[in-house]
Amino acid sequence: MSKKKKVNIVYSTNPNYNYSFDDEKVETLSPDNQQLKVLIDRKQRKGKSVTLVTGFIGNDDDLKDLAKTLKSKCGVGGSAKGSEILIQGEFKDKVFDLLINLGFKQSKKVGG
């Protein structure tokens, strides 16, 4: 279920005005075509490490499903926003292996 947001509309004096919502649904690419990048990030997190998975192209429901799978396999918390999955802790190798096993063959490790 997508939430509809009114953006930059304050008030209209036209009684016949109907606001149209932009319902652009992004189609999720197949796992073979996704180019995900897995990296460790410590910036703006008070020195705590997180594993980031970036580059997901698709709708929010599929992103959240993938995040839920990765979080449960790693046994930690995290979140999914935009096109990023954030997993608490340093699990770069484990997440990369899980993505390969799930069919994301074009995934890459970034950084040392």
Protein backbone atom coordinates (compact mmCIF):
# COMPACT_ATOMS: atom_id res chain seq x y z
CA MET A 1 0.00 0.00 0.00
CA SER A 2 1.59 3.24 -1.08
CA LYS A 3 1.06 6.48 0.76
CA LYS A 4 0.05 9.39 -1.41
CA LYS A 5 1.77 12.66 -0.60
CA LYS A 6 0.75 16.12 -1.65
CA VAL A 7 3.90 17.99 -2.46
CA ASN A 8 4.14 21.79 -2.69
CA ILE A 9 0.37 22.38 -2.72
CA VAL A 10 -0.72 24.96 -0.21
CA TYR A 11 -4.19 26.08 -1.29
CA SER A 12 -6.19 26.45 -4.47
CA THR A 13 -9.07 28.89 -4.90
CA ASN A 14 -10.34 27.08 -7.97
CA PRO A 15 -13.37 24.99 -6.88
CA ASN A 16 -12.96 22.66 -9.86
CA TYR A 17 -9.29 21.94 -9.20
CA ASN A 18 -8.44 18.28 -8.67
CA TYR A 19 -4.97 17.43 -7.47
CA SER A 20 -3.44 14.55 -9.40
CA PHE A 21 -1.07 12.20 -7.63
CA ASP A 22 2.09 10.99 -9.28
CA ASP A 23 1.71 7.23 -9.09
CA GLU A 24 4.96 6.27 -10.75
CA LYS A 25 5.61 2.71 -9.67
CA VAL A 26 9.15 1.53 -10.10
CA GLU A 27 9.35 -1.99 -11.44
CA THR A 28 11.82 -4.16 -9.57
CA LEU A 29 14.62 -5.52 -11.68
CA SER A 30 15.31 -9.24 -11.54
CA PRO A 31 18.12 -10.32 -9.18
CA ASP A 32 20.33 -11.11 -12.19
CA ASN A 33 20.20 -7.48 -13.34
CA GLN A 34 20.67 -5.79 -9.95
CA GLN A 35 24.11 -4.30 -9.37
CA LEU A 36 24.30 -4.13 -5.58
CA LYS A 37 27.33 -2.84 -3.70
CA VAL A 38 28.15 -4.06 -0.20
CA LEU A 39 30.35 -1.87 2.01
CA ILE A 40 31.17 -1.04 5.63
CA ASP A 41 30.31 2.49 6.78
CA ARG A 42 31.31 4.29 9.98
CA LYS A 43 30.61 7.89 8.99
CA GLN A 44 28.22 9.90 11.17
CA ARG A 45 27.57 6.86 13.37
CA LYS A 46 29.80 7.69 16.36
CA GLY A 47 32.36 5.05 15.37
CA LYS A 48 29.86 2.19 15.13
CA SER A 49 30.10 0.04 12.03
CA VAL A 50 27.20 -0.77 9.74
CA THR A 51 26.99 -2.80 6.56
CA LEU A 52 25.40 -0.92 3.67
CA VAL A 53 23.86 -2.51 0.60
CA THR A 54 23.34 0.15 -2.06
CA GLY A 55 22.11 0.28 -5.64
CA PHE A 56 18.78 -1.55 -5.32
CA ILE A 57 16.39 -0.68 -8.13
CA GLY A 58 12.77 -1.48 -7.40
CA ASN A 59 9.79 -0.76 -5.20
CA ASP A 60 9.93 -0.32 -1.44
CA ASP A 61 8.16 -3.59 -0.64
CA ASP A 62 10.80 -5.68 -2.42
CA LEU A 63 13.56 -3.66 -0.77
CA LYS A 64 12.05 -4.26 2.67
CA ASP A 65 11.65 -7.99 1.95
CA LEU A 66 15.32 -8.27 0.98
CA ALA A 67 16.34 -6.27 4.07
CA LYS A 68 14.25 -8.53 6.30
CA THR A 69 15.88 -11.62 4.82
CA LEU A 70 19.40 -10.25 5.28
CA LYS A 71 18.72 -9.05 8.83
CA SER A 72 17.26 -12.38 9.90
CA LYS A 73 20.15 -14.36 8.38
CA CYS A 74 22.68 -12.13 10.15
CA GLY A 75 20.69 -12.06 13.38
CA VAL A 76 20.87 -8.28 13.78
CA GLY A 77 18.73 -5.18 13.28
CA GLY A 78 18.76 -2.65 10.52
CA SER A 79 16.58 -0.60 8.18
CA ALA A 80 15.75 -0.02 4.53
CA LYS A 81 15.27 3.44 3.00
CA GLY A 82 15.45 4.74 -0.52
CA SER A 83 17.65 2.28 -2.35
CA GLU A 84 19.83 1.36 0.67
CA ILE A 85 19.74 -1.43 3.20
CA LEU A 86 21.50 -0.74 6.49
CA ILE A 87 22.51 -3.72 8.65
CA GLN A 88 23.99 -3.15 12.09
CA GLY A 89 27.52 -4.51 12.49
CA GLU A 90 30.29 -5.66 10.17
CA PHE A 91 28.79 -8.40 8.03
CA LYS A 92 30.17 -7.52 4.60
CA ASP A 93 31.36 -11.02 3.70
CA LYS A 94 28.26 -12.75 5.05
CA VAL A 95 25.86 -10.33 3.32
CA PHE A 96 27.79 -10.66 0.05
CA ASP A 97 27.57 -14.47 0.21
CA LEU A 98 23.85 -14.29 1.02
CA LEU A 99 23.21 -11.97 -1.94
CA ILE A 100 25.06 -14.32 -4.29
CA ASN A 101 23.01 -17.26 -2.98
CA LEU A 102 19.78 -15.28 -3.47
CA GLY A 103 20.63 -14.75 -7.15
CA PHE A 104 22.18 -11.27 -7.10
CA LYS A 105 25.17 -12.40 -9.21
CA GLN A 106 26.39 -8.90 -10.09
CA SER A 107 26.91 -7.86 -6.46
CA LYS A 108 30.27 -6.34 -5.56
CA LYS A 109 32.23 -5.70 -2.39
CA VAL A 110 33.42 -2.12 -2.04
CA GLY A 111 36.33 -1.05 0.13
CA GLY A 112 38.93 -3.04 2.03
